[in-house]
């Protein structure tokens, strides 16, 4: 079992990811991490990169569902 790594939260809610964790997850400046809370514990993982141009283009196709008349619930 790997040793527990500890870092401190700043007054701005920021923390440093320990070097051993960054190496283990292959994290580099600019990479995103995802947090998942389950049963009082938090897991982090390297988040998949998002193609922002593709996401913005896709967003334009979803406007047909933004009208209240389209709400089936």
N, C-alpha and C. Protein backbone atom coordinates (compact mmCIF):
# COMPACT_ATOMS: atom_id res chain seq x y z
N UNK A 1 0.84 -1.18 0.00
CA UNK A 1 0.00 0.00 0.00
C UNK A 1 0.88 1.25 0.00
N UNK A 2 0.56 2.20 -0.90
CA UNK A 2 1.33 3.44 -0.97
C UNK A 2 1.11 4.28 0.28
N UNK A 3 2.14 5.05 0.67
CA UNK A 3 1.97 5.93 1.84
C UNK A 3 0.97 7.04 1.53
N UNK A 4 0.32 7.55 2.55
CA UNK A 4 -0.61 8.66 2.41
C UNK A 4 0.19 9.94 2.17
N UNK A 5 -0.24 10.73 1.22
CA UNK A 5 0.39 12.02 0.93
C UNK A 5 -0.54 13.11 1.46
N UNK A 6 0.03 14.13 2.07
CA UNK A 6 -0.75 15.21 2.67
C UNK A 6 -0.31 16.54 2.11
N UNK A 7 -1.29 17.40 1.79
CA UNK A 7 -1.00 18.78 1.42
C UNK A 7 -1.99 19.67 2.15
N UNK A 8 -1.72 20.94 2.18
CA UNK A 8 -2.52 21.90 2.93
C UNK A 8 -3.37 22.73 1.98
N UNK A 9 -4.58 23.08 2.41
CA UNK A 9 -5.46 23.95 1.64
C UNK A 9 -5.14 25.40 2.01
N UNK A 10 -4.96 26.25 0.99
CA UNK A 10 -4.69 27.67 1.23
C UNK A 10 -5.99 28.41 1.54
N UNK A 11 -5.89 29.67 1.90
CA UNK A 11 -7.07 30.48 2.18
C UNK A 11 -7.93 30.67 0.93
N UNK A 12 -7.35 30.45 -0.25
CA UNK A 12 -8.10 30.54 -1.50
C UNK A 12 -8.64 29.19 -1.95
N UNK A 13 -8.50 28.15 -1.12
CA UNK A 13 -8.99 26.83 -1.45
C UNK A 13 -8.06 26.07 -2.38
N UNK A 14 -6.83 26.50 -2.52
CA UNK A 14 -5.88 25.86 -3.41
C UNK A 14 -4.97 24.92 -2.64
N UNK A 15 -4.45 23.93 -3.34
CA UNK A 15 -3.49 23.01 -2.74
C UNK A 15 -2.48 22.60 -3.80
N UNK A 16 -1.39 22.04 -3.37
CA UNK A 16 -0.39 21.50 -4.28
C UNK A 16 -0.53 20.00 -4.32
N UNK A 17 -0.57 19.44 -5.52
CA UNK A 17 -0.61 17.99 -5.65
C UNK A 17 0.82 17.50 -5.43
N UNK A 18 1.03 16.64 -4.46
CA UNK A 18 2.39 16.16 -4.18
C UNK A 18 3.05 15.55 -5.41
N UNK A 19 4.35 15.72 -5.51
CA UNK A 19 5.10 15.27 -6.68
C UNK A 19 4.90 13.78 -6.96
N UNK A 20 4.84 12.96 -5.92
CA UNK A 20 4.65 11.52 -6.13
C UNK A 20 3.30 11.24 -6.81
N UNK A 21 2.29 12.01 -6.46
CA UNK A 21 0.97 11.84 -7.07
C UNK A 21 1.00 12.34 -8.51
N UNK A 22 1.65 13.49 -8.75
CA UNK A 22 1.76 14.02 -10.12
C UNK A 22 2.48 13.03 -11.01
N UNK A 23 3.52 12.43 -10.52
CA UNK A 23 4.25 11.45 -11.32
C UNK A 23 3.40 10.21 -11.57
N UNK A 24 2.72 9.75 -10.55
CA UNK A 24 1.90 8.54 -10.67
C UNK A 24 0.78 8.72 -11.69
N UNK A 25 0.17 9.94 -11.73
CA UNK A 25 -0.93 10.21 -12.65
C UNK A 25 -0.46 10.85 -13.96
N UNK A 26 0.85 11.04 -14.10
CA UNK A 26 1.43 11.68 -15.29
C UNK A 26 0.81 13.06 -15.51
N UNK A 27 0.76 13.85 -14.43
CA UNK A 27 0.19 15.19 -14.48
C UNK A 27 1.26 16.21 -14.81
N UNK A 28 0.88 17.17 -15.64
CA UNK A 28 1.78 18.24 -16.06
C UNK A 28 1.05 19.57 -15.99
N UNK A 29 1.78 20.71 -15.97
CA UNK A 29 1.11 22.00 -15.94
C UNK A 29 0.09 22.11 -17.07
N UNK A 30 -1.10 22.59 -16.71
CA UNK A 30 -2.17 22.73 -17.68
C UNK A 30 -3.12 21.54 -17.74
N UNK A 31 -2.72 20.40 -17.18
CA UNK A 31 -3.60 19.24 -17.14
C UNK A 31 -4.74 19.49 -16.16
N UNK A 32 -5.86 18.85 -16.38
CA UNK A 32 -7.00 18.94 -15.48
C UNK A 32 -7.11 17.66 -14.67
N UNK A 33 -7.62 17.81 -13.45
CA UNK A 33 -7.88 16.64 -12.62
C UNK A 33 -9.36 16.63 -12.27
N UNK A 34 -9.90 15.44 -12.09
CA UNK A 34 -11.31 15.27 -11.74
C UNK A 34 -11.39 14.73 -10.31
N UNK A 35 -12.37 15.22 -9.57
CA UNK A 35 -12.59 14.78 -8.20
C UNK A 35 -13.89 13.99 -8.13
N UNK A 36 -13.89 12.92 -7.33
CA UNK A 36 -15.12 12.16 -7.09
C UNK A 36 -15.22 11.90 -5.60
N UNK A 37 -16.36 12.30 -5.01
CA UNK A 37 -16.59 12.09 -3.59
C UNK A 37 -17.53 10.90 -3.43
N UNK A 38 -17.11 9.96 -2.59
CA UNK A 38 -17.92 8.76 -2.37
C UNK A 38 -17.65 8.23 -0.96
N UNK A 39 -18.70 8.14 -0.19
CA UNK A 39 -18.57 7.59 1.16
C UNK A 39 -17.60 8.35 2.04
N UNK A 40 -17.59 9.67 1.92
CA UNK A 40 -16.72 10.50 2.75
C UNK A 40 -15.27 10.51 2.32
N UNK A 41 -14.97 9.92 1.16
CA UNK A 41 -13.61 9.90 0.63
C UNK A 41 -13.59 10.56 -0.75
N UNK A 42 -12.47 11.15 -1.08
CA UNK A 42 -12.32 11.81 -2.38
C UNK A 42 -11.25 11.09 -3.18
N UNK A 43 -11.57 10.83 -4.44
CA UNK A 43 -10.60 10.26 -5.36
C UNK A 43 -10.30 11.32 -6.42
N UNK A 44 -9.06 11.37 -6.88
CA UNK A 44 -8.73 12.25 -7.99
C UNK A 44 -8.13 11.40 -9.10
N UNK A 45 -8.34 11.88 -10.32
CA UNK A 45 -7.73 11.22 -11.46
C UNK A 45 -7.45 12.27 -12.52
N UNK A 46 -6.60 11.93 -13.44
CA UNK A 46 -6.31 12.83 -14.55
C UNK A 46 -7.55 12.87 -15.44
N UNK A 47 -8.04 14.07 -15.72
CA UNK A 47 -9.24 14.22 -16.54
C UNK A 47 -8.86 14.17 -18.01
N UNK A 48 -9.75 13.62 -18.80
CA UNK A 48 -9.54 13.58 -20.24
C UNK A 48 -9.57 15.00 -20.80
N UNK A 49 -8.73 15.25 -21.77
CA UNK A 49 -8.72 16.57 -22.40
C UNK A 49 -9.97 16.72 -23.24
N UNK A 50 -10.52 17.92 -23.23
CA UNK A 50 -11.73 18.23 -23.99
C UNK A 50 -11.34 19.10 -25.17
N UNK A 51 -11.81 18.74 -26.34
CA UNK A 51 -11.61 19.56 -27.53
C UNK A 51 -12.63 20.69 -27.46
N UNK A 52 -12.18 21.88 -27.04
CA UNK A 52 -13.11 22.99 -26.83
C UNK A 52 -13.82 23.42 -28.10
N UNK A 53 -13.14 23.38 -29.23
CA UNK A 53 -13.78 23.75 -30.50
C UNK A 53 -14.93 22.79 -30.81
N UNK A 54 -14.70 21.51 -30.59
CA UNK A 54 -15.74 20.51 -30.83
C UNK A 54 -16.90 20.71 -29.86
N UNK A 55 -16.59 20.96 -28.59
CA UNK A 55 -17.63 21.13 -27.58
C UNK A 55 -18.50 22.35 -27.89
N UNK A 56 -17.86 23.44 -28.32
CA UNK A 56 -18.63 24.64 -28.68
C UNK A 56 -19.50 24.39 -29.90
N UNK A 57 -18.99 23.67 -30.87
CA UNK A 57 -19.78 23.34 -32.06
C UNK A 57 -20.96 22.45 -31.68
N UNK A 58 -20.74 21.50 -30.80
CA UNK A 58 -21.80 20.62 -30.35
C UNK A 58 -22.86 21.38 -29.58
N UNK A 59 -22.43 22.33 -28.77
CA UNK A 59 -23.36 23.12 -27.96
C UNK A 59 -24.40 23.81 -28.84
N UNK A 60 -24.00 24.26 -30.00
CA UNK A 60 -24.91 24.94 -30.91
C UNK A 60 -26.02 24.03 -31.40
N UNK A 61 -25.78 22.72 -31.44
CA UNK A 61 -26.79 21.78 -31.92
C UNK A 61 -27.81 21.43 -30.84
N UNK A 62 -27.54 21.81 -29.60
CA UNK A 62 -28.41 21.43 -28.49
C UNK A 62 -29.44 22.49 -28.14
N UNK A 63 -29.46 23.60 -28.87
CA UNK A 63 -30.37 24.69 -28.54
C UNK A 63 -31.83 24.30 -28.70
N UNK A 64 -32.14 23.31 -29.50
CA UNK A 64 -33.53 22.92 -29.70
C UNK A 64 -34.16 22.39 -28.42
N UNK A 65 -33.37 21.98 -27.44
CA UNK A 65 -33.90 21.46 -26.18
C UNK A 65 -33.91 22.50 -25.07
N UNK A 66 -33.60 23.74 -25.38
CA UNK A 66 -33.53 24.77 -24.35
C UNK A 66 -34.87 25.47 -24.14
N UNK A 67 -35.86 25.19 -24.93
CA UNK A 67 -37.16 25.82 -24.83
C UNK A 67 -38.02 25.05 -23.82
N UNK A 68 -38.76 25.77 -22.97
CA UNK A 68 -39.60 25.11 -21.96
C UNK A 68 -40.66 24.22 -22.61
N UNK A 69 -41.09 24.54 -23.82
CA UNK A 69 -42.09 23.74 -24.50
C UNK A 69 -41.58 22.34 -24.82
N UNK A 70 -40.27 22.19 -24.87
CA UNK A 70 -39.67 20.89 -25.18
C UNK A 70 -39.49 20.01 -23.96
N UNK A 71 -39.83 20.53 -22.79
CA UNK A 71 -39.65 19.77 -21.55
C UNK A 71 -40.75 18.72 -21.42
N UNK A 72 -40.39 17.47 -21.53
CA UNK A 72 -41.36 16.37 -21.46
C UNK A 72 -41.67 15.93 -20.03
N UNK A 73 -40.98 16.51 -19.07
CA UNK A 73 -41.18 16.06 -17.68
C UNK A 73 -42.38 16.71 -17.04
